[in-house]
All heavy atoms as atom14 arrays in JSON, in Angstrom:
{
  "sequence": "HANPAVTLALALYRGFSWKKVPAYCMAQIVGGICGAVLVYCLYSPVI",
  "atom14_mask": [
    [1, 1, 1, 1, 1, 1, 1, 1, 1, 1, 0, 0, 0, 0],
    [1, 1, 1, 1, 1, 0, 0, 0, 0, 0, 0, 0, 0, 0],
    [1, 1, 1, 1, 1, 1, 1, 1, 0, 0, 0, 0, 0, 0],
    [1, 1, 1, 1, 1, 1, 1, 0, 0, 0, 0, 0, 0, 0],
    [1, 1, 1, 1, 1, 0, 0, 0, 0, 0, 0, 0, 0, 0],
    [1, 1, 1, 1, 1, 1, 1, 0, 0, 0, 0, 0, 0, 0],
    [1, 1, 1, 1, 1, 1, 1, 0, 0, 0, 0, 0, 0, 0],
    [1, 1, 1, 1, 1, 1, 1, 1, 0, 0, 0, 0, 0, 0],
    [1, 1, 1, 1, 1, 0, 0, 0, 0, 0, 0, 0, 0, 0],
    [1, 1, 1, 1, 1, 1, 1, 1, 0, 0, 0, 0, 0, 0],
    [1, 1, 1, 1, 1, 0, 0, 0, 0, 0, 0, 0, 0, 0],
    [1, 1, 1, 1, 1, 1, 1, 1, 0, 0, 0, 0, 0, 0],
    [1, 1, 1, 1, 1, 1, 1, 1, 1, 1, 1, 1, 0, 0],
    [1, 1, 1, 1, 1, 1, 1, 1, 1, 1, 1, 0, 0, 0],
    [1, 1, 1, 1, 0, 0, 0, 0, 0, 0, 0, 0, 0, 0],
    [1, 1, 1, 1, 1, 1, 1, 1, 1, 1, 1, 0, 0, 0],
    [1, 1, 1, 1, 1, 1, 0, 0, 0, 0, 0, 0, 0, 0],
    [1, 1, 1, 1, 1, 1, 1, 1, 1, 1, 1, 1, 1, 1],
    [1, 1, 1, 1, 1, 1, 1, 1, 1, 0, 0, 0, 0, 0],
    [1, 1, 1, 1, 1, 1, 1, 1, 1, 0, 0, 0, 0, 0],
    [1, 1, 1, 1, 1, 1, 1, 0, 0, 0, 0, 0, 0, 0],
    [1, 1, 1, 1, 1, 1, 1, 0, 0, 0, 0, 0, 0, 0],
    [1, 1, 1, 1, 1, 0, 0, 0, 0, 0, 0, 0, 0, 0],
    [1, 1, 1, 1, 1, 1, 1, 1, 1, 1, 1, 1, 0, 0],
    [1, 1, 1, 1, 1, 1, 0, 0, 0, 0, 0, 0, 0, 0],
    [1, 1, 1, 1, 1, 1, 1, 1, 0, 0, 0, 0, 0, 0],
    [1, 1, 1, 1, 1, 0, 0, 0, 0, 0, 0, 0, 0, 0],
    [1, 1, 1, 1, 1, 1, 1, 1, 1, 0, 0, 0, 0, 0],
    [1, 1, 1, 1, 1, 1, 1, 1, 0, 0, 0, 0, 0, 0],
    [1, 1, 1, 1, 1, 1, 1, 0, 0, 0, 0, 0, 0, 0],
    [1, 1, 1, 1, 0, 0, 0, 0, 0, 0, 0, 0, 0, 0],
    [1, 1, 1, 1, 0, 0, 0, 0, 0, 0, 0, 0, 0, 0],
    [1, 1, 1, 1, 1, 1, 1, 1, 0, 0, 0, 0, 0, 0],
    [1, 1, 1, 1, 1, 1, 0, 0, 0, 0, 0, 0, 0, 0],
    [1, 1, 1, 1, 0, 0, 0, 0, 0, 0, 0, 0, 0, 0],
    [1, 1, 1, 1, 1, 0, 0, 0, 0, 0, 0, 0, 0, 0],
    [1, 1, 1, 1, 1, 1, 1, 0, 0, 0, 0, 0, 0, 0],
    [1, 1, 1, 1, 1, 1, 1, 1, 0, 0, 0, 0, 0, 0],
    [1, 1, 1, 1, 1, 1, 1, 0, 0, 0, 0, 0, 0, 0],
    [1, 1, 1, 1, 1, 1, 1, 1, 1, 1, 1, 1, 0, 0],
    [1, 1, 1, 1, 1, 1, 0, 0, 0, 0, 0, 0, 0, 0],
    [1, 1, 1, 1, 1, 1, 1, 1, 0, 0, 0, 0, 0, 0],
    [1, 1, 1, 1, 1, 1, 1, 1, 1, 1, 1, 1, 0, 0],
    [1, 1, 1, 1, 1, 1, 0, 0, 0, 0, 0, 0, 0, 0],
    [1, 1, 1, 1, 1, 1, 1, 0, 0, 0, 0, 0, 0, 0],
    [1, 1, 1, 1, 1, 1, 1, 0, 0, 0, 0, 0, 0, 0],
    [1, 1, 1, 1, 1, 1, 1, 1, 0, 0, 0, 0, 0, 0]
  ],
  "atom14_positions": [
    [[91.29, 86.57, 83.36], [91.69, 85.26, 82.84], [93.13, 84.99, 83.28], [93.43, 83.93, 83.82], [91.63, 85.22, 81.32], [90.27, 85.51, 80.76], [90.0, 85.42, 79.41], [89.1, 85.87, 81.34], [88.72, 85.72, 79.19], [88.16, 86.01, 80.35], [0.0, 0.0, 0.0], [0.0, 0.0, 0.0], [0.0, 0.0, 0.0], [0.0, 0.0, 0.0]],
    [[94.01, 85.95, 82.99], [95.42, 85.93, 83.41], [96.14, 84.64, 82.99], [97.14, 84.27, 83.59], [95.53, 86.12, 84.93], [0.0, 0.0, 0.0], [0.0, 0.0, 0.0], [0.0, 0.0, 0.0], [0.0, 0.0, 0.0], [0.0, 0.0, 0.0], [0.0, 0.0, 0.0], [0.0, 0.0, 0.0], [0.0, 0.0, 0.0], [0.0, 0.0, 0.0]],
    [[95.64, 83.99, 81.96], [96.17, 82.69, 81.57], [95.6, 82.34, 80.2], [94.37, 82.2, 80.06], [95.75, 81.64, 82.61], [96.33, 80.27, 82.36], [96.69, 79.92, 81.24], [96.39, 79.46, 83.4], [0.0, 0.0, 0.0], [0.0, 0.0, 0.0], [0.0, 0.0, 0.0], [0.0, 0.0, 0.0], [0.0, 0.0, 0.0], [0.0, 0.0, 0.0]],
    [[96.43, 82.21, 79.16], [95.9, 81.85, 77.84], [95.1, 80.55, 77.83], [94.17, 80.4, 77.03], [97.16, 81.73, 76.98], [98.15, 82.65, 77.63], [97.88, 82.51, 79.11], [0.0, 0.0, 0.0], [0.0, 0.0, 0.0], [0.0, 0.0, 0.0], [0.0, 0.0, 0.0], [0.0, 0.0, 0.0], [0.0, 0.0, 0.0], [0.0, 0.0, 0.0]],
    [[95.45, 79.6, 78.7], [94.7, 78.35, 78.76], [93.28, 78.59, 79.24], [92.33, 77.96, 78.75], [95.4, 77.36, 79.69], [0.0, 0.0, 0.0], [0.0, 0.0, 0.0], [0.0, 0.0, 0.0], [0.0, 0.0, 0.0], [0.0, 0.0, 0.0], [0.0, 0.0, 0.0], [0.0, 0.0, 0.0], [0.0, 0.0, 0.0], [0.0, 0.0, 0.0]],
    [[93.1, 79.52, 80.17], [91.77, 79.88, 80.66], [91.01, 80.63, 79.57], [89.82, 80.37, 79.32], [91.87, 80.71, 81.94], [90.49, 81.24, 82.36], [92.49, 79.89, 83.07], [0.0, 0.0, 0.0], [0.0, 0.0, 0.0], [0.0, 0.0, 0.0], [0.0, 0.0, 0.0], [0.0, 0.0, 0.0], [0.0, 0.0, 0.0], [0.0, 0.0, 0.0]],
    [[91.67, 81.56, 78.92], [91.03, 82.32, 77.83], [90.54, 81.38, 76.74], [89.41, 81.5, 76.25], [92.02, 83.34, 77.25], [92.39, 84.27, 78.26], [91.39, 84.1, 76.09], [0.0, 0.0, 0.0], [0.0, 0.0, 0.0], [0.0, 0.0, 0.0], [0.0, 0.0, 0.0], [0.0, 0.0, 0.0], [0.0, 0.0, 0.0], [0.0, 0.0, 0.0]],
    [[91.37, 80.42, 76.35], [90.99, 79.47, 75.31], [89.8, 78.63, 75.76], [88.85, 78.42, 74.98], [92.18, 78.57, 74.98], [91.97, 77.49, 73.92], [91.56, 78.12, 72.59], [93.24, 76.66, 73.75], [0.0, 0.0, 0.0], [0.0, 0.0, 0.0], [0.0, 0.0, 0.0], [0.0, 0.0, 0.0], [0.0, 0.0, 0.0], [0.0, 0.0, 0.0]],
    [[89.82, 78.16, 76.99], [88.72, 77.34, 77.49], [87.42, 78.15, 77.56], [86.34, 77.63, 77.23], [89.07, 76.78, 78.87], [0.0, 0.0, 0.0], [0.0, 0.0, 0.0], [0.0, 0.0, 0.0], [0.0, 0.0, 0.0], [0.0, 0.0, 0.0], [0.0, 0.0, 0.0], [0.0, 0.0, 0.0], [0.0, 0.0, 0.0], [0.0, 0.0, 0.0]],
    [[87.51, 79.4, 77.98], [86.31, 80.24, 78.05], [85.74, 80.5, 76.66], [84.52, 80.59, 76.49], [86.63, 81.55, 78.76], [86.91, 81.45, 80.26], [87.39, 82.79, 80.81], [85.67, 80.98, 81.02], [0.0, 0.0, 0.0], [0.0, 0.0, 0.0], [0.0, 0.0, 0.0], [0.0, 0.0, 0.0], [0.0, 0.0, 0.0], [0.0, 0.0, 0.0]],
    [[86.61, 80.65, 75.67], [86.13, 80.84, 74.3], [85.46, 79.58, 73.77], [84.43, 79.64, 73.08], [87.29, 81.27, 73.4], [0.0, 0.0, 0.0], [0.0, 0.0, 0.0], [0.0, 0.0, 0.0], [0.0, 0.0, 0.0], [0.0, 0.0, 0.0], [0.0, 0.0, 0.0], [0.0, 0.0, 0.0], [0.0, 0.0, 0.0], [0.0, 0.0, 0.0]],
    [[86.01, 78.44, 74.11], [85.45, 77.18, 73.63], [84.13, 76.83, 74.28], [83.2, 76.33, 73.62], [86.45, 76.04, 73.88], [87.59, 75.88, 72.89], [88.62, 74.89, 73.42], [87.06, 75.41, 71.54], [0.0, 0.0, 0.0], [0.0, 0.0, 0.0], [0.0, 0.0, 0.0], [0.0, 0.0, 0.0], [0.0, 0.0, 0.0], [0.0, 0.0, 0.0]],
    [[84.01, 77.09, 75.59], [82.89, 76.54, 76.35], [81.98, 77.57, 77.01], [80.87, 77.22, 77.4], [83.43, 75.61, 77.45], [84.32, 74.52, 76.94], [85.66, 74.45, 77.34], [83.85, 73.55, 76.06], [86.49, 73.44, 76.89], [84.68, 72.53, 75.61], [86.0, 72.49, 76.02], [86.82, 71.49, 75.56], [0.0, 0.0, 0.0], [0.0, 0.0, 0.0]],
    [[82.43, 78.8, 77.14], [81.64, 79.76, 77.9], [81.28, 81.02, 77.12], [80.86, 82.01, 77.7], [82.37, 80.13, 79.19], [82.5, 78.97, 80.19], [81.14, 78.59, 80.76], [81.19, 77.44, 81.64], [81.41, 77.5, 82.95], [81.65, 78.66, 83.53], [81.4, 76.41, 83.69], [0.0, 0.0, 0.0], [0.0, 0.0, 0.0], [0.0, 0.0, 0.0]],
    [[81.44, 81.0, 75.82], [80.97, 82.1, 74.99], [81.87, 83.32, 74.94], [81.45, 84.38, 74.45], [0.0, 0.0, 0.0], [0.0, 0.0, 0.0], [0.0, 0.0, 0.0], [0.0, 0.0, 0.0], [0.0, 0.0, 0.0], [0.0, 0.0, 0.0], [0.0, 0.0, 0.0], [0.0, 0.0, 0.0], [0.0, 0.0, 0.0], [0.0, 0.0, 0.0]],
    [[83.08, 83.23, 75.42], [84.0, 84.37, 75.31], [84.32, 84.61, 73.84], [84.53, 83.66, 73.07], [85.27, 84.11, 76.1], [86.24, 85.25, 76.09], [85.97, 86.41, 76.8], [87.42, 85.18, 75.36], [86.87, 87.47, 76.8], [88.32, 86.23, 75.35], [88.04, 87.39, 76.07], [0.0, 0.0, 0.0], [0.0, 0.0, 0.0], [0.0, 0.0, 0.0]],
    [[84.39, 85.86, 73.44], [84.57, 86.22, 72.04], [85.9, 85.73, 71.48], [86.97, 86.06, 72.01], [84.48, 87.74, 71.87], [84.82, 88.11, 70.55], [0.0, 0.0, 0.0], [0.0, 0.0, 0.0], [0.0, 0.0, 0.0], [0.0, 0.0, 0.0], [0.0, 0.0, 0.0], [0.0, 0.0, 0.0], [0.0, 0.0, 0.0], [0.0, 0.0, 0.0]],
    [[85.83, 84.95, 70.4], [87.06, 84.48, 69.77], [87.9, 85.63, 69.22], [89.12, 85.53, 69.13], [86.72, 83.51, 68.64], [86.41, 82.14, 69.13], [85.2, 81.56, 69.26], [87.36, 81.14, 69.56], [85.31, 80.27, 69.75], [86.63, 79.99, 69.94], [88.76, 81.11, 69.66], [87.24, 78.84, 70.41], [89.37, 79.97, 70.12], [88.61, 78.85, 70.5]],
    [[87.25, 86.73, 68.85], [87.98, 87.88, 68.34], [88.94, 88.47, 69.37], [89.96, 89.07, 69.03], [87.0, 88.96, 67.87], [86.18, 88.57, 66.65], [85.25, 89.7, 66.24], [84.43, 89.32, 65.02], [83.49, 90.41, 64.61], [0.0, 0.0, 0.0], [0.0, 0.0, 0.0], [0.0, 0.0, 0.0], [0.0, 0.0, 0.0], [0.0, 0.0, 0.0]],
    [[88.59, 88.29, 70.66], [89.42, 88.85, 71.72], [90.56, 87.92, 72.14], [91.49, 88.36, 72.84], [88.55, 89.16, 72.95], [87.55, 90.27, 72.75], [86.81, 90.55, 74.06], [85.85, 91.72, 73.92], [85.16, 92.01, 75.21], [0.0, 0.0, 0.0], [0.0, 0.0, 0.0], [0.0, 0.0, 0.0], [0.0, 0.0, 0.0], [0.0, 0.0, 0.0]],
    [[90.5, 86.67, 71.76], [91.45, 85.69, 72.28], [92.9, 86.05, 71.96], [93.75, 86.06, 72.88], [91.11, 84.27, 71.77], [92.25, 83.29, 72.07], [89.81, 83.78, 72.4], [0.0, 0.0, 0.0], [0.0, 0.0, 0.0], [0.0, 0.0, 0.0], [0.0, 0.0, 0.0], [0.0, 0.0, 0.0], [0.0, 0.0, 0.0], [0.0, 0.0, 0.0]],
    [[93.27, 86.35, 70.7], [94.69, 86.66, 70.44], [95.19, 87.87, 71.23], [96.29, 87.84, 71.77], [94.71, 86.93, 68.92], [93.51, 86.22, 68.39], [92.47, 86.34, 69.46], [0.0, 0.0, 0.0], [0.0, 0.0, 0.0], [0.0, 0.0, 0.0], [0.0, 0.0, 0.0], [0.0, 0.0, 0.0], [0.0, 0.0, 0.0], [0.0, 0.0, 0.0]],
    [[94.36, 88.91, 71.31], [94.79, 90.11, 72.03], [94.92, 89.85, 73.52], [95.86, 90.32, 74.17], [93.8, 91.25, 71.79], [0.0, 0.0, 0.0], [0.0, 0.0, 0.0], [0.0, 0.0, 0.0], [0.0, 0.0, 0.0], [0.0, 0.0, 0.0], [0.0, 0.0, 0.0], [0.0, 0.0, 0.0], [0.0, 0.0, 0.0], [0.0, 0.0, 0.0]],
    [[93.99, 89.09, 74.09], [94.08, 88.73, 75.51], [95.37, 87.96, 75.78], [96.09, 88.23, 76.75], [92.88, 87.89, 75.93], [91.78, 88.66, 76.63], [91.17, 89.76, 76.04], [91.33, 88.28, 77.89], [90.15, 90.45, 76.66], [90.31, 88.97, 78.54], [89.73, 90.05, 77.92], [88.72, 90.74, 78.55], [0.0, 0.0, 0.0], [0.0, 0.0, 0.0]],
    [[95.66, 86.99, 74.92], [96.86, 86.17, 75.13], [98.12, 87.01, 75.01], [99.07, 86.85, 75.81], [96.89, 85.02, 74.14], [95.58, 83.78, 74.41], [0.0, 0.0, 0.0], [0.0, 0.0, 0.0], [0.0, 0.0, 0.0], [0.0, 0.0, 0.0], [0.0, 0.0, 0.0], [0.0, 0.0, 0.0], [0.0, 0.0, 0.0], [0.0, 0.0, 0.0]],
    [[98.17, 87.92, 74.06], [99.33, 88.78, 73.92], [99.48, 89.69, 75.14], [100.6, 89.9, 75.64], [99.22, 89.62, 72.65], [99.45, 88.85, 71.37], [101.09, 88.07, 71.33], [102.15, 89.52, 71.47], [0.0, 0.0, 0.0], [0.0, 0.0, 0.0], [0.0, 0.0, 0.0], [0.0, 0.0, 0.0], [0.0, 0.0, 0.0], [0.0, 0.0, 0.0]],
    [[98.37, 90.24, 75.62], [98.43, 91.09, 76.8], [98.94, 90.31, 78.01], [99.72, 90.83, 78.82], [97.04, 91.67, 77.1], [0.0, 0.0, 0.0], [0.0, 0.0, 0.0], [0.0, 0.0, 0.0], [0.0, 0.0, 0.0], [0.0, 0.0, 0.0], [0.0, 0.0, 0.0], [0.0, 0.0, 0.0], [0.0, 0.0, 0.0], [0.0, 0.0, 0.0]],
    [[98.53, 89.07, 78.13], [98.99, 88.24, 79.25], [100.49, 87.97, 79.16], [101.19, 88.01, 80.19], [98.19, 86.93, 79.25], [96.73, 87.11, 79.62], [95.83, 86.02, 79.06], [96.29, 85.06, 78.45], [94.52, 86.17, 79.25], [0.0, 0.0, 0.0], [0.0, 0.0, 0.0], [0.0, 0.0, 0.0], [0.0, 0.0, 0.0], [0.0, 0.0, 0.0]],
    [[100.99, 87.73, 77.97], [102.42, 87.5, 77.8], [103.2, 88.78, 78.11], [104.25, 88.74, 78.78], [102.72, 87.0, 76.38], [102.12, 85.6, 76.18], [104.23, 86.97, 76.11], [102.13, 85.13, 74.74], [0.0, 0.0, 0.0], [0.0, 0.0, 0.0], [0.0, 0.0, 0.0], [0.0, 0.0, 0.0], [0.0, 0.0, 0.0], [0.0, 0.0, 0.0]],
    [[102.69, 89.92, 77.65], [103.33, 91.2, 77.98], [103.36, 91.41, 79.48], [104.36, 91.87, 80.05], [102.6, 92.36, 77.27], [103.08, 93.71, 77.81], [102.82, 92.3, 75.77], [0.0, 0.0, 0.0], [0.0, 0.0, 0.0], [0.0, 0.0, 0.0], [0.0, 0.0, 0.0], [0.0, 0.0, 0.0], [0.0, 0.0, 0.0], [0.0, 0.0, 0.0]],
    [[102.27, 91.06, 80.15], [102.24, 91.15, 81.6], [103.3, 90.28, 82.25], [103.94, 90.68, 83.24], [0.0, 0.0, 0.0], [0.0, 0.0, 0.0], [0.0, 0.0, 0.0], [0.0, 0.0, 0.0], [0.0, 0.0, 0.0], [0.0, 0.0, 0.0], [0.0, 0.0, 0.0], [0.0, 0.0, 0.0], [0.0, 0.0, 0.0], [0.0, 0.0, 0.0]],
    [[103.5, 89.08, 81.68], [104.56, 88.2, 82.19], [105.93, 88.82, 82.05], [106.78, 88.7, 82.95], [0.0, 0.0, 0.0], [0.0, 0.0, 0.0], [0.0, 0.0, 0.0], [0.0, 0.0, 0.0], [0.0, 0.0, 0.0], [0.0, 0.0, 0.0], [0.0, 0.0, 0.0], [0.0, 0.0, 0.0], [0.0, 0.0, 0.0], [0.0, 0.0, 0.0]],
    [[106.18, 89.49, 80.92], [107.45, 90.18, 80.72], [107.62, 91.29, 81.74], [108.68, 91.41, 82.39], [107.53, 90.74, 79.29], [107.54, 89.6, 78.27], [108.77, 91.62, 79.13], [107.4, 90.07, 76.82], [0.0, 0.0, 0.0], [0.0, 0.0, 0.0], [0.0, 0.0, 0.0], [0.0, 0.0, 0.0], [0.0, 0.0, 0.0], [0.0, 0.0, 0.0]],
    [[106.58, 92.08, 81.93], [106.66, 93.21, 82.87], [106.88, 92.72, 84.3], [107.67, 93.31, 85.06], [105.37, 94.04, 82.79], [105.14, 94.91, 81.23], [0.0, 0.0, 0.0], [0.0, 0.0, 0.0], [0.0, 0.0, 0.0], [0.0, 0.0, 0.0], [0.0, 0.0, 0.0], [0.0, 0.0, 0.0], [0.0, 0.0, 0.0], [0.0, 0.0, 0.0]],
    [[106.18, 91.66, 84.68], [106.38, 91.11, 86.01], [107.8, 90.64, 86.22], [108.39, 90.85, 87.29], [0.0, 0.0, 0.0], [0.0, 0.0, 0.0], [0.0, 0.0, 0.0], [0.0, 0.0, 0.0], [0.0, 0.0, 0.0], [0.0, 0.0, 0.0], [0.0, 0.0, 0.0], [0.0, 0.0, 0.0], [0.0, 0.0, 0.0], [0.0, 0.0, 0.0]],
    [[108.37, 90.0, 85.19], [109.75, 89.52, 85.29], [110.73, 90.69, 85.42], [111.73, 90.59, 86.15], [110.09, 88.67, 84.07], [0.0, 0.0, 0.0], [0.0, 0.0, 0.0], [0.0, 0.0, 0.0], [0.0, 0.0, 0.0], [0.0, 0.0, 0.0], [0.0, 0.0, 0.0], [0.0, 0.0, 0.0], [0.0, 0.0, 0.0], [0.0, 0.0, 0.0]],
    [[110.46, 91.78, 84.73], [111.3, 92.97, 84.85], [111.31, 93.47, 86.3], [112.36, 93.82, 86.86], [110.84, 94.08, 83.89], [111.54, 95.4, 84.2], [111.08, 93.69, 82.44], [0.0, 0.0, 0.0], [0.0, 0.0, 0.0], [0.0, 0.0, 0.0], [0.0, 0.0, 0.0], [0.0, 0.0, 0.0], [0.0, 0.0, 0.0], [0.0, 0.0, 0.0]],
    [[110.14, 93.49, 86.92], [110.05, 93.94, 88.31], [110.84, 93.03, 89.25], [111.53, 93.49, 90.15], [108.59, 94.01, 88.75], [107.71, 95.04, 88.02], [106.27, 94.93, 88.5], [108.24, 96.45, 88.23], [0.0, 0.0, 0.0], [0.0, 0.0, 0.0], [0.0, 0.0, 0.0], [0.0, 0.0, 0.0], [0.0, 0.0, 0.0], [0.0, 0.0, 0.0]],
    [[110.72, 91.72, 89.03], [111.48, 90.77, 89.85], [112.98, 90.98, 89.65], [113.76, 90.96, 90.61], [111.08, 89.32, 89.51], [111.95, 88.32, 90.27], [109.61, 89.09, 89.83], [0.0, 0.0, 0.0], [0.0, 0.0, 0.0], [0.0, 0.0, 0.0], [0.0, 0.0, 0.0], [0.0, 0.0, 0.0], [0.0, 0.0, 0.0], [0.0, 0.0, 0.0]],
    [[113.38, 91.2, 88.42], [114.8, 91.43, 88.13], [115.3, 92.69, 88.82], [116.43, 92.72, 89.33], [114.99, 91.53, 86.62], [116.44, 91.63, 86.2], [117.23, 90.48, 86.16], [116.99, 92.84, 85.84], [118.56, 90.56, 85.77], [118.33, 92.93, 85.45], [119.1, 91.78, 85.42], [120.42, 91.87, 85.04], [0.0, 0.0, 0.0], [0.0, 0.0, 0.0]],
    [[114.47, 93.73, 88.85], [114.86, 94.96, 89.54], [115.13, 94.69, 91.02], [116.05, 95.27, 91.61], [113.77, 96.02, 89.4], [113.61, 96.72, 87.74], [0.0, 0.0, 0.0], [0.0, 0.0, 0.0], [0.0, 0.0, 0.0], [0.0, 0.0, 0.0], [0.0, 0.0, 0.0], [0.0, 0.0, 0.0], [0.0, 0.0, 0.0], [0.0, 0.0, 0.0]],
    [[114.36, 93.8, 91.61], [114.55, 93.46, 93.02], [115.78, 92.59, 93.23], [116.58, 92.82, 94.15], [113.32, 92.72, 93.55], [112.03, 93.51, 93.8], [110.95, 92.57, 94.29], [112.26, 94.63, 94.8], [0.0, 0.0, 0.0], [0.0, 0.0, 0.0], [0.0, 0.0, 0.0], [0.0, 0.0, 0.0], [0.0, 0.0, 0.0], [0.0, 0.0, 0.0]],
    [[115.94, 91.57, 92.4], [116.85, 90.48, 92.72], [118.1, 90.39, 91.85], [118.91, 89.47, 92.04], [116.1, 89.14, 92.64], [115.23, 88.88, 93.85], [113.87, 89.17, 93.82], [115.78, 88.37, 95.02], [113.08, 88.94, 94.93], [114.99, 88.15, 96.13], [113.64, 88.44, 96.08], [112.86, 88.22, 97.19], [0.0, 0.0, 0.0], [0.0, 0.0, 0.0]],
    [[118.32, 91.31, 90.94], [119.49, 91.17, 90.06], [120.81, 91.11, 90.83], [121.69, 90.29, 90.47], [119.52, 92.3, 89.03], [119.53, 93.58, 89.64], [0.0, 0.0, 0.0], [0.0, 0.0, 0.0], [0.0, 0.0, 0.0], [0.0, 0.0, 0.0], [0.0, 0.0, 0.0], [0.0, 0.0, 0.0], [0.0, 0.0, 0.0], [0.0, 0.0, 0.0]],
    [[121.02, 91.89, 91.91], [122.29, 91.74, 92.64], [122.43, 90.35, 93.27], [123.54, 89.8, 93.33], [122.22, 92.83, 93.71], [121.22, 93.81, 93.21], [120.22, 92.99, 92.47], [0.0, 0.0, 0.0], [0.0, 0.0, 0.0], [0.0, 0.0, 0.0], [0.0, 0.0, 0.0], [0.0, 0.0, 0.0], [0.0, 0.0, 0.0], [0.0, 0.0, 0.0]],
    [[121.31, 89.8, 93.75], [121.35, 88.49, 94.39], [121.6, 87.4, 93.34], [122.33, 86.43, 93.59], [120.05, 88.22, 95.15], [120.18, 86.94, 95.98], [119.69, 89.39, 96.05], [0.0, 0.0, 0.0], [0.0, 0.0, 0.0], [0.0, 0.0, 0.0], [0.0, 0.0, 0.0], [0.0, 0.0, 0.0], [0.0, 0.0, 0.0], [0.0, 0.0, 0.0]],
    [[121.01, 87.57, 92.16], [121.25, 86.61, 91.07], [122.73, 86.61, 90.69], [123.36, 85.55, 90.54], [120.37, 86.95, 89.85], [118.9, 86.71, 90.16], [120.8, 86.13, 88.63], [117.95, 87.25, 89.1], [0.0, 0.0, 0.0], [0.0, 0.0, 0.0], [0.0, 0.0, 0.0], [0.0, 0.0, 0.0], [0.0, 0.0, 0.0], [0.0, 0.0, 0.0]]
  ]
}
């Protein structure tokens, strides 16, 4: 899904389990934090 908007739409229209929605969304946000950390490791001197 990689996107809370996609997860929400799949739960509404495609039978994705509503019980999984909050955890999926939190995992996606955590992934966003981790990705940003990696970018910062690369570019902090340039920033």
